[in-house]
Amino acid sequence: MAITIDACAAQHQGDRKEQQDRVAILPHSRKRGVALAVVADGMGGHTGGALAAEQVIHTAKNNLDHFSPADESPQCMLENSMREAHTMIKASRFMNEKDPHSTAVMLLLQPGRVTWAHCGDSRLYHFRGKQLVERTVDHSYVEHLVATGKITPEQALTHPNRNVLLTSLGGQEEPKFDFADTEDLIAGDAFVLCSDGLWAYFDDVEMAGLVADNSARNACETLIEKARQRGAGSGDNVSLAIIKLQEALPEKPKLPTGFGPQLPT
């Protein structure tokens, strides 16, 4: 069964003074069927966070352009992208006297295979229809509390330290990365990459339903609209990328010249 891709990336500044998120879906310059989706949520004062997130996108694009599936593993390419971005963001501290950081979540799409990686609390969701298959686990203080059974997932949503990260790109310590992949892909699978300005307002069931029932573009628009409403005037930057796998419709056979529908004379 042939599969086609429906993809869209979108963002909104929210109620912040500056858009410090960055999002992109990047096709490989030479390899057909290979693409990279990236969401980066920058932090670090005026312009500092935006520069950090921009560095994540820039480094990811450079690594994708040089990526050769025959010579490099997908995980290696993703890890190199994040490590290089981390190094460049740290170096920028000395040039602009800011304290830039960024999260990163990346998904590498290849024919029959998807590989992803993340650092921080920007997330990736894998849905199959309206069911959650998997999602990344945030590198955050509250996710650590949830994992150790000290608070519930519901309590994490309103915890006063819910924005405290345990790792990020650009920090003094070496960043932590997590990786996963799947070759078990079917039509109806969907992947959502997003910053916390989006996922904070949705549970898995609602997000899965909105993605399944809409095109990638319409799902992006609806999710952003609902996040803005629920932000009630204090919403964060919102960024997301949606990649949906769909069954390719067979092409209609072309009629030979002269055998088309007859127009009335």
C-alpha atoms as a PDB file:
ATOM      1  CA  MET A   1       0.000   0.000   0.000  1.00  0.00           C
ATOM      2  CA  ALA A   2       1.404   3.368  -1.048  1.00  0.00           C
ATOM      3  CA  ILE A   3       1.517   6.098   1.590  1.00  0.00           C
ATOM      4  CA  THR A   4       1.504   9.837   1.031  1.00  0.00           C
ATOM      5  CA  ILE A   5       2.407  12.640   3.445  1.00  0.00           C
ATOM      6  CA  ASP A   6       0.211  15.506   4.622  1.00  0.00           C
ATOM      7  CA  ALA A   7       2.341  17.985   6.588  1.00  0.00           C
ATOM      8  CA  CYS A   8       2.088  21.489   7.977  1.00  0.00           C
ATOM      9  CA  ALA A   9       4.095  23.726  10.328  1.00  0.00           C
ATOM     10  CA  ALA A  10       2.561  26.709  12.115  1.00  0.00           C
ATOM     11  CA  GLN A  11       3.115  29.084  15.006  1.00  0.00           C
ATOM     12  CA  HIS A  12       1.657  32.034  16.883  1.00  0.00           C
ATOM     13  CA  GLN A  13       3.372  34.622  19.043  1.00  0.00           C
ATOM     14  CA  GLY A  14       0.737  34.252  21.734  1.00  0.00           C
ATOM     15  CA  ASP A  15       0.671  37.045  24.297  1.00  0.00           C
ATOM     16  CA  ARG A  16       4.452  37.388  24.523  1.00  0.00           C
ATOM     17  CA  LYS A  17       6.394  40.442  23.346  1.00  0.00           C
ATOM     18  CA  GLU A  18       8.578  38.309  21.111  1.00  0.00           C
ATOM     19  CA  GLN A  19       8.367  35.043  19.192  1.00  0.00           C
ATOM     20  CA  GLN A  20      11.198  32.920  20.589  1.00  0.00           C
ATOM     21  CA  ASP A  21      10.012  29.617  19.114  1.00  0.00           C
ATOM     22  CA  ARG A  22      11.161  28.343  15.751  1.00  0.00           C
ATOM     23  CA  VAL A  23       9.595  25.577  13.661  1.00  0.00           C
ATOM     24  CA  ALA A  24      10.415  24.101  10.264  1.00  0.00           C
ATOM     25  CA  ILE A  25       9.768  21.116   8.015  1.00  0.00           C
ATOM     26  CA  LEU A  26      12.864  20.721   5.847  1.00  0.00           C
ATOM     27  CA  PRO A  27      13.104  18.465   2.772  1.00  0.00           C
ATOM     28  CA  HIS A  28      16.429  16.811   1.991  1.00  0.00           C
ATOM     29  CA  SER A  29      18.128  18.597  -0.887  1.00  0.00           C
ATOM     30  CA  ARG A  30      19.005  15.350  -2.713  1.00  0.00           C
ATOM     31  CA  LYS A  31      17.172  12.383  -1.173  1.00  0.00           C
ATOM     32  CA  ARG A  32      13.556  11.981  -2.179  1.00  0.00           C
ATOM     33  CA  GLY A  33      11.264  10.984   0.686  1.00  0.00           C
ATOM     34  CA  VAL A  34      13.680  12.259   3.364  1.00  0.00           C
ATOM     35  CA  ALA A  35      12.649  15.262   5.484  1.00  0.00           C
ATOM     36  CA  LEU A  36      13.294  16.723   8.919  1.00  0.00           C
ATOM     37  CA  ALA A  37      10.755  18.421  11.185  1.00  0.00           C
ATOM     38  CA  VAL A  38      12.090  20.613  14.011  1.00  0.00           C
ATOM     39  CA  VAL A  39      10.562  22.607  16.859  1.00  0.00           C
ATOM     40  CA  ALA A  40      12.799  24.714  19.110  1.00  0.00           C
ATOM     41  CA  ASP A  41      11.627  26.800  22.085  1.00  0.00           C
ATOM     42  CA  GLY A  42      14.188  29.479  22.906  1.00  0.00           C
ATOM     43  CA  MET A  43      14.829  31.043  26.312  1.00  0.00           C
ATOM     44  CA  GLY A  44      17.209  33.725  27.502  1.00  0.00           C
ATOM     45  CA  GLY A  45      15.967  37.291  27.613  1.00  0.00           C
ATOM     46  CA  HIS A  46      15.213  39.674  24.787  1.00  0.00           C
ATOM     47  CA  THR A  47      16.390  38.188  21.439  1.00  0.00           C
ATOM     48  CA  GLY A  48      18.603  35.650  23.238  1.00  0.00           C
ATOM     49  CA  GLY A  49      16.040  32.854  23.119  1.00  0.00           C
ATOM     50  CA  ALA A  50      15.100  33.599  19.539  1.00  0.00           C
ATOM     51  CA  LEU A  51      18.755  33.407  18.479  1.00  0.00           C
ATOM     52  CA  ALA A  52      19.180  30.091  20.292  1.00  0.00           C
ATOM     53  CA  ALA A  53      16.113  28.567  18.631  1.00  0.00           C
ATOM     54  CA  GLU A  54      17.217  29.914  15.246  1.00  0.00           C
ATOM     55  CA  GLN A  55      20.575  28.210  15.752  1.00  0.00           C
ATOM     56  CA  VAL A  56      18.809  24.870  16.295  1.00  0.00           C
ATOM     57  CA  ILE A  57      17.002  25.195  12.956  1.00  0.00           C
ATOM     58  CA  HIS A  58      20.115  26.366  11.119  1.00  0.00           C
ATOM     59  CA  THR A  59      22.270  23.520  12.440  1.00  0.00           C
ATOM     60  CA  ALA A  60      19.586  20.929  11.741  1.00  0.00           C
ATOM     61  CA  LYS A  61      19.274  22.115   8.128  1.00  0.00           C
ATOM     62  CA  ASN A  62      23.035  21.922   7.575  1.00  0.00           C
ATOM     63  CA  ASN A  63      23.195  18.403   8.985  1.00  0.00           C
ATOM     64  CA  LEU A  64      20.214  17.286   6.912  1.00  0.00           C
ATOM     65  CA  ASP A  65      21.822  18.596   3.720  1.00  0.00           C
ATOM     66  CA  HIS A  66      24.915  16.484   4.453  1.00  0.00           C
ATOM     67  CA  PHE A  67      23.003  13.435   5.678  1.00  0.00           C
ATOM     68  CA  SER A  68      23.598  10.267   3.674  1.00  0.00           C
ATOM     69  CA  PRO A  69      21.471   7.319   4.877  1.00  0.00           C
ATOM     70  CA  ALA A  70      24.054   4.890   3.506  1.00  0.00           C
ATOM     71  CA  ASP A  71      26.852   6.360   5.625  1.00  0.00           C
ATOM     72  CA  GLU A  72      25.226   7.726   8.786  1.00  0.00           C
ATOM     73  CA  SER A  73      22.523   6.451  11.119  1.00  0.00           C
ATOM     74  CA  PRO A  74      19.440   8.608  11.697  1.00  0.00           C
ATOM     75  CA  GLN A  75      20.179   8.771  15.441  1.00  0.00           C
ATOM     76  CA  CYS A  76      23.730   9.924  14.782  1.00  0.00           C
ATOM     77  CA  MET A  77      22.498  12.696  12.485  1.00  0.00           C
ATOM     78  CA  LEU A  78      19.965  13.911  15.056  1.00  0.00           C
ATOM     79  CA  GLU A  79      22.463  13.758  17.921  1.00  0.00           C
ATOM     80  CA  ASN A  80      25.092  15.630  15.910  1.00  0.00           C
ATOM     81  CA  SER A  81      22.542  18.306  15.049  1.00  0.00           C
ATOM     82  CA  MET A  82      21.688  18.908  18.691  1.00  0.00           C
ATOM     83  CA  ARG A  83      25.271  18.721  19.960  1.00  0.00           C
ATOM     84  CA  GLU A  84      26.456  21.212  17.353  1.00  0.00           C
ATOM     85  CA  ALA A  85      23.556  23.543  18.159  1.00  0.00           C
ATOM     86  CA  HIS A  86      24.435  23.267  21.856  1.00  0.00           C
ATOM     87  CA  THR A  87      28.053  24.219  21.152  1.00  0.00           C
ATOM     88  CA  MET A  88      27.090  27.174  18.955  1.00  0.00           C
ATOM     89  CA  ILE A  89      24.555  28.497  21.448  1.00  0.00           C
ATOM     90  CA  LYS A  90      27.131  28.318  24.248  1.00  0.00           C
ATOM     91  CA  ALA A  91      29.638  30.176  22.083  1.00  0.00           C
ATOM     92  CA  SER A  92      27.121  32.947  21.442  1.00  0.00           C
ATOM     93  CA  ARG A  93      27.140  33.796  25.166  1.00  0.00           C
ATOM     94  CA  PHE A  94      30.527  35.416  24.749  1.00  0.00           C
ATOM     95  CA  MET A  95      29.385  37.489  21.788  1.00  0.00           C
ATOM     96  CA  ASN A  96      26.072  38.888  22.987  1.00  0.00           C
ATOM     97  CA  GLU A  97      26.377  38.681  26.793  1.00  0.00           C
ATOM     98  CA  LYS A  98      23.042  36.918  27.063  1.00  0.00           C
ATOM     99  CA  ASP A  99      22.055  33.587  28.576  1.00  0.00           C
ATOM    100  CA  PRO A 100      20.520  31.765  25.617  1.00  0.00           C
ATOM    101  CA  HIS A 101      19.021  28.281  25.829  1.00  0.00           C
ATOM    102  CA  SER A 102      16.685  26.248  23.677  1.00  0.00           C
ATOM    103  CA  THR A 103      14.735  23.049  23.753  1.00  0.00           C
ATOM    104  CA  ALA A 104      14.676  20.883  20.627  1.00  0.00           C
ATOM    105  CA  VAL A 105      12.521  18.109  19.235  1.00  0.00           C
ATOM    106  CA  MET A 106      13.360  16.655  15.816  1.00  0.00           C
ATOM    107  CA  LEU A 107      11.783  14.013  13.615  1.00  0.00           C
ATOM    108  CA  LEU A 108      13.631  12.493  10.666  1.00  0.00           C
ATOM    109  CA  LEU A 109      11.334  10.971   8.069  1.00  0.00           C
ATOM    110  CA  GLN A 110      12.679   8.355   5.669  1.00  0.00           C
ATOM    111  CA  PRO A 111      10.789   5.906   3.452  1.00  0.00           C
ATOM    112  CA  GLY A 112       9.338   3.317   5.830  1.00  0.00           C
ATOM    113  CA  ARG A 113      11.034   4.726   8.921  1.00  0.00           C
ATOM    114  CA  VAL A 114      10.694   7.590  11.384  1.00  0.00           C
ATOM    115  CA  THR A 115      13.345   8.535  13.981  1.00  0.00           C
ATOM    116  CA  TRP A 116      13.067  11.266  16.581  1.00  0.00           C
ATOM    117  CA  ALA A 117      15.042  12.914  19.378  1.00  0.00           C
ATOM    118  CA  HIS A 118      14.402  15.597  21.960  1.00  0.00           C
ATOM    119  CA  CYS A 119      16.041  17.735  24.621  1.00  0.00           C
ATOM    120  CA  GLY A 120      13.952  19.699  27.107  1.00  0.00           C
ATOM    121  CA  ASP A 121      10.166  19.928  27.184  1.00  0.00           C
ATOM    122  CA  SER A 122       9.191  20.379  23.563  1.00  0.00           C
ATOM    123  CA  ARG A 123       7.292  17.213  22.718  1.00  0.00           C
ATOM    124  CA  LEU A 124       6.632  14.648  20.029  1.00  0.00           C
ATOM    125  CA  TYR A 125       3.373  12.685  19.945  1.00  0.00           C
ATOM    126  CA  HIS A 126       2.819   9.591  17.810  1.00  0.00           C
ATOM    127  CA  PHE A 127      -0.863   8.922  17.200  1.00  0.00           C
ATOM    128  CA  ARG A 128      -2.486   6.063  15.309  1.00  0.00           C
ATOM    129  CA  GLY A 129      -5.945   7.217  14.407  1.00  0.00           C
ATOM    130  CA  LYS A 130      -7.330   8.600  17.659  1.00  0.00           C
ATOM    131  CA  GLN A 131      -5.047   6.537  19.910  1.00  0.00           C
ATOM    132  CA  LEU A 132      -1.769   7.637  21.467  1.00  0.00           C
ATOM    133  CA  VAL A 133       1.058   5.257  20.560  1.00  0.00           C
ATOM    134  CA  GLU A 134       3.888   7.110  22.256  1.00  0.00           C
ATOM    135  CA  ARG A 135       5.049  10.527  23.376  1.00  0.00           C
ATOM    136  CA  THR A 136       8.342  11.917  24.537  1.00  0.00           C
ATOM    137  CA  VAL A 137       8.921  12.396  28.265  1.00  0.00           C
ATOM    138  CA  ASP A 138       9.878  15.967  29.171  1.00  0.00           C
ATOM    139  CA  HIS A 139      13.272  16.632  30.696  1.00  0.00           C
ATOM    140  CA  SER A 140      11.626  18.714  33.404  1.00  0.00           C
ATOM    141  CA  TYR A 141      11.354  18.792  37.165  1.00  0.00           C
ATOM    142  CA  VAL A 142       7.651  17.942  37.234  1.00  0.00           C
ATOM    143  CA  GLU A 143       8.060  14.989  34.855  1.00  0.00           C
ATOM    144  CA  HIS A 144      10.719  13.675  37.233  1.00  0.00           C
ATOM    145  CA  LEU A 145       8.232  14.016  40.104  1.00  0.00           C
ATOM    146  CA  VAL A 146       5.591  12.180  38.087  1.00  0.00           C
ATOM    147  CA  ALA A 147       8.016   9.402  37.132  1.00  0.00           C
ATOM    148  CA  THR A 148       8.978   8.873  40.775  1.00  0.00           C
ATOM    149  CA  GLY A 149       5.336   8.828  41.900  1.00  0.00           C
ATOM    150  CA  LYS A 150       5.540  11.993  43.988  1.00  0.00           C
ATOM    151  CA  ILE A 151       2.804  13.817  42.060  1.00  0.00           C
ATOM    152  CA  THR A 152       0.133  12.810  39.567  1.00  0.00           C
ATOM    153  CA  PRO A 153       0.065  13.877  35.900  1.00  0.00           C
ATOM    154  CA  GLU A 154      -2.928  16.075  36.756  1.00  0.00           C
ATOM    155  CA  GLN A 155      -0.976  17.816  39.537  1.00  0.00           C
ATOM    156  CA  ALA A 156       1.915  18.380  37.130  1.00  0.00           C
ATOM    157  CA  LEU A 157      -0.274  20.610  34.953  1.00  0.00           C
ATOM    158  CA  THR A 158      -0.567  23.245  37.683  1.00  0.00           C
ATOM    159  CA  HIS A 159       2.665  22.648  39.615  1.00  0.00           C
ATOM    160  CA  PRO A 160       4.479  25.957  40.357  1.00  0.00           C
ATOM    161  CA  ASN A 161       7.756  24.532  39.016  1.00  0.00           C
ATOM    162  CA  ARG A 162       6.301  23.004  35.860  1.00  0.00           C
ATOM    163  CA  ASN A 163       8.540  25.178  33.634  1.00  0.00           C
ATOM    164  CA  VAL A 164      11.816  24.171  35.301  1.00  0.00           C
ATOM    165  CA  LEU A 165      13.955  22.171  32.870  1.00  0.00           C
ATOM    166  CA  LEU A 166      16.574  19.613  33.844  1.00  0.00           C
ATOM    167  CA  THR A 167      18.449  20.009  30.563  1.00  0.00           C
ATOM    168  CA  SER A 168      18.509  22.215  27.475  1.00  0.00           C
ATOM    169  CA  LEU A 169      20.746  23.200  24.592  1.00  0.00           C
ATOM    170  CA  GLY A 170      23.187  25.994  25.454  1.00  0.00           C
ATOM    171  CA  GLY A 171      23.463  25.352  29.189  1.00  0.00           C
ATOM    172  CA  GLN A 172      26.677  24.975  31.162  1.00  0.00           C
ATOM    173  CA  GLU A 173      26.225  21.206  31.544  1.00  0.00           C
ATOM    174  CA  GLU A 174      26.198  18.681  28.739  1.00  0.00           C
ATOM    175  CA  PRO A 175      22.629  18.290  27.459  1.00  0.00           C
ATOM    176  CA  LYS A 176      20.594  15.103  27.776  1.00  0.00           C
ATOM    177  CA  PHE A 177      19.001  13.561  24.678  1.00  0.00           C
ATOM    178  CA  ASP A 178      16.439  10.816  24.248  1.00  0.00           C
ATOM    179  CA  PHE A 179      15.878   8.921  21.004  1.00  0.00           C
ATOM    180  CA  ALA A 180      13.261   6.590  19.556  1.00  0.00           C
ATOM    181  CA  ASP A 181      12.206   5.303  16.168  1.00  0.00           C
ATOM    182  CA  THR A 182       9.701   3.084  14.457  1.00  0.00           C
ATOM    183  CA  GLU A 183       9.464   1.170  11.209  1.00  0.00           C
ATOM    184  CA  ASP A 184       5.927   0.059  12.036  1.00  0.00           C
ATOM    185  CA  LEU A 185       4.219   2.730   9.953  1.00  0.00           C
ATOM    186  CA  ILE A 186       0.743   2.587   8.470  1.00  0.00           C
ATOM    187  CA  ALA A 187      -1.740   4.982   6.949  1.00  0.00           C
ATOM    188  CA  GLY A 188      -3.448   6.761   9.838  1.00  0.00           C
ATOM    189  CA  ASP A 189      -0.240   7.400  11.766  1.00  0.00           C
ATOM    190  CA  ALA A 190       0.387  11.016  12.720  1.00  0.00           C
ATOM    191  CA  PHE A 191       3.256  12.788  14.429  1.00  0.00           C
ATOM    192  CA  VAL A 192       2.906  16.104  16.263  1.00  0.00           C
ATOM    193  CA  LEU A 193       5.945  18.123  17.356  1.00  0.00           C
ATOM    194  CA  CYS A 194       5.140  21.097  19.572  1.00  0.00           C
ATOM    195  CA  SER A 195       6.360  23.545  22.187  1.00  0.00           C
ATOM    196  CA  ASP A 196       4.867  23.755  25.674  1.00  0.00           C
ATOM    197  CA  GLY A 197       2.833  26.745  24.566  1.00  0.00           C
ATOM    198  CA  LEU A 198       0.616  24.219  22.770  1.00  0.00           C
ATOM    199  CA  TRP A 199       0.679  20.940  24.701  1.00  0.00           C
ATOM    200  CA  ALA A 200      -0.060  22.627  28.036  1.00  0.00           C
ATOM    201  CA  TYR A 201      -3.677  23.098  26.928  1.00  0.00           C
ATOM    202  CA  PHE A 202      -4.517  19.619  25.609  1.00  0.00           C
ATOM    203  CA  ASP A 203      -4.753  16.091  26.881  1.00  0.00           C
ATOM    204  CA  ASP A 204      -3.711  13.215  24.626  1.00  0.00           C
ATOM    205  CA  VAL A 205      -7.272  12.208  23.716  1.00  0.00           C
ATOM    206  CA  GLU A 206      -8.373  15.643  22.540  1.00  0.00           C
ATOM    207  CA  MET A 207      -5.214  16.269  20.547  1.00  0.00           C
ATOM    208  CA  ALA A 208      -5.430  12.858  18.882  1.00  0.00           C
ATOM    209  CA  GLY A 209      -9.039  13.453  17.857  1.00  0.00           C
ATOM    210  CA  LEU A 210      -8.364  16.890  16.384  1.00  0.00           C
ATOM    211  CA  VAL A 211      -5.405  15.608  14.387  1.00  0.00           C
ATOM    212  CA  ALA A 212      -7.256  12.524  13.127  1.00  0.00           C
ATOM    213  CA  ASP A 213     -10.379  14.437  12.059  1.00  0.00           C
ATOM    214  CA  ASN A 214      -8.616  17.222  10.150  1.00  0.00           C
ATOM    215  CA  SER A 215      -6.012  17.819   7.501  1.00  0.00           C
ATOM    216  CA  ALA A 216      -2.594  18.786   8.849  1.00  0.00           C
ATOM    217  CA  ARG A 217      -3.255  22.434   8.009  1.00  0.00           C
ATOM    218  CA  ASN A 218      -6.724  22.523   9.567  1.00  0.00           C
ATOM    219  CA  ALA A 219      -5.472  20.678  12.655  1.00  0.00           C
ATOM    220  CA  CYS A 220      -2.704  23.263  13.122  1.00  0.00           C
ATOM    221  CA  GLU A 221      -5.200  26.107  12.825  1.00  0.00           C
ATOM    222  CA  THR A 222      -7.665  24.518  15.246  1.00  0.00           C
ATOM    223  CA  LEU A 223      -5.048  23.616  17.846  1.00  0.00           C
ATOM    224  CA  ILE A 224      -3.584  27.110  17.812  1.00  0.00           C
ATOM    225  CA  GLU A 225      -7.026  28.707  18.030  1.00  0.00           C
ATOM    226  CA  LYS A 226      -7.986  26.591  21.045  1.00  0.00           C
ATOM    227  CA  ALA A 227      -4.616  27.211  22.744  1.00  0.00           C
ATOM    228  CA  ARG A 228      -5.098  30.946  22.287  1.00  0.00           C
ATOM    229  CA  GLN A 229      -8.595  30.801  23.774  1.00  0.00           C
ATOM    230  CA  ARG A 230      -7.426  28.754  26.747  1.00  0.00           C
ATOM    231  CA  GLY A 231      -4.424  31.011  27.283  1.00  0.00           C
ATOM    232  CA  ALA A 232      -6.933  33.740  28.179  1.00  0.00           C
ATOM    233  CA  GLY A 233      -4.593  36.613  27.461  1.00  0.00           C
ATOM    234  CA  SER A 234      -1.437  35.107  28.976  1.00  0.00           C
ATOM    235  CA  GLY A 235      -0.565  32.449  26.406  1.00  0.00           C
ATOM    236  CA  ASP A 236       3.009  31.512  25.561  1.00  0.00           C
ATOM    237  CA  ASN A 237       4.525  31.286  22.084  1.00  0.00           C
ATOM    238  CA  VAL A 238       2.890  28.401  20.212  1.00  0.00           C
ATOM    239  CA  SER A 239       4.693  26.277  17.608  1.00  0.00           C
ATOM    240  CA  LEU A 240       3.867  22.921  16.063  1.00  0.00           C
ATOM    241  CA  ALA A 241       4.505  20.668  13.105  1.00  0.00           C
ATOM    242  CA  ILE A 242       2.120  17.891  12.072  1.00  0.00           C
ATOM    243  CA  ILE A 243       3.026  15.013   9.768  1.00  0.00           C
ATOM    244  CA  LYS A 244       0.202  12.649   8.786  1.00  0.00           C
ATOM    245  CA  LEU A 245       0.631   9.413   6.841  1.00  0.00           C
ATOM    246  CA  GLN A 246      -2.258   8.726   4.480  1.00  0.00           C
ATOM    247  CA  GLU A 247      -3.124   6.043   1.973  1.00  0.00           C
ATOM    248  CA  ALA A 248      -2.276   7.272  -1.499  1.00  0.00           C
ATOM    249  CA  LEU A 249      -5.285   7.253  -3.804  1.00  0.00           C
ATOM    250  CA  PRO A 250      -4.737   5.427  -7.083  1.00  0.00           C
ATOM    251  CA  GLU A 251      -4.363   7.681 -10.085  1.00  0.00           C
ATOM    252  CA  LYS A 252      -7.326   7.746 -12.415  1.00  0.00           C
ATOM    253  CA  PRO A 253      -6.473   6.297 -15.833  1.00  0.00           C
ATOM    254  CA  LYS A 254      -6.180   8.909 -18.538  1.00  0.00           C
ATOM    255  CA  LEU A 255      -8.530   8.554 -21.482  1.00  0.00           C
ATOM    256  CA  PRO A 256      -6.923   8.532 -24.920  1.00  0.00           C
ATOM    257  CA  THR A 257      -7.244  11.745 -26.903  1.00  0.00           C
ATOM    258  CA  GLY A 258     -10.665  12.010 -28.459  1.00  0.00           C
ATOM    259  CA  PHE A 259     -12.395   9.780 -25.882  1.00  0.00           C
ATOM    260  CA  GLY A 260     -13.201  12.433 -23.300  1.00  0.00           C
ATOM    261  CA  PRO A 261     -16.695  13.648 -22.402  1.00  0.00           C
ATOM    262  CA  GLN A 262     -18.580  15.136 -25.338  1.00  0.00           C
ATOM    263  CA  LEU A 263     -19.545  18.783 -24.986  1.00  0.00           C
ATOM    264  CA  PRO A 264     -22.922  19.885 -26.336  1.00  0.00           C
ATOM    265  CA  THR A 265     -22.744  21.691 -29.634  1.00  0.00           C
END
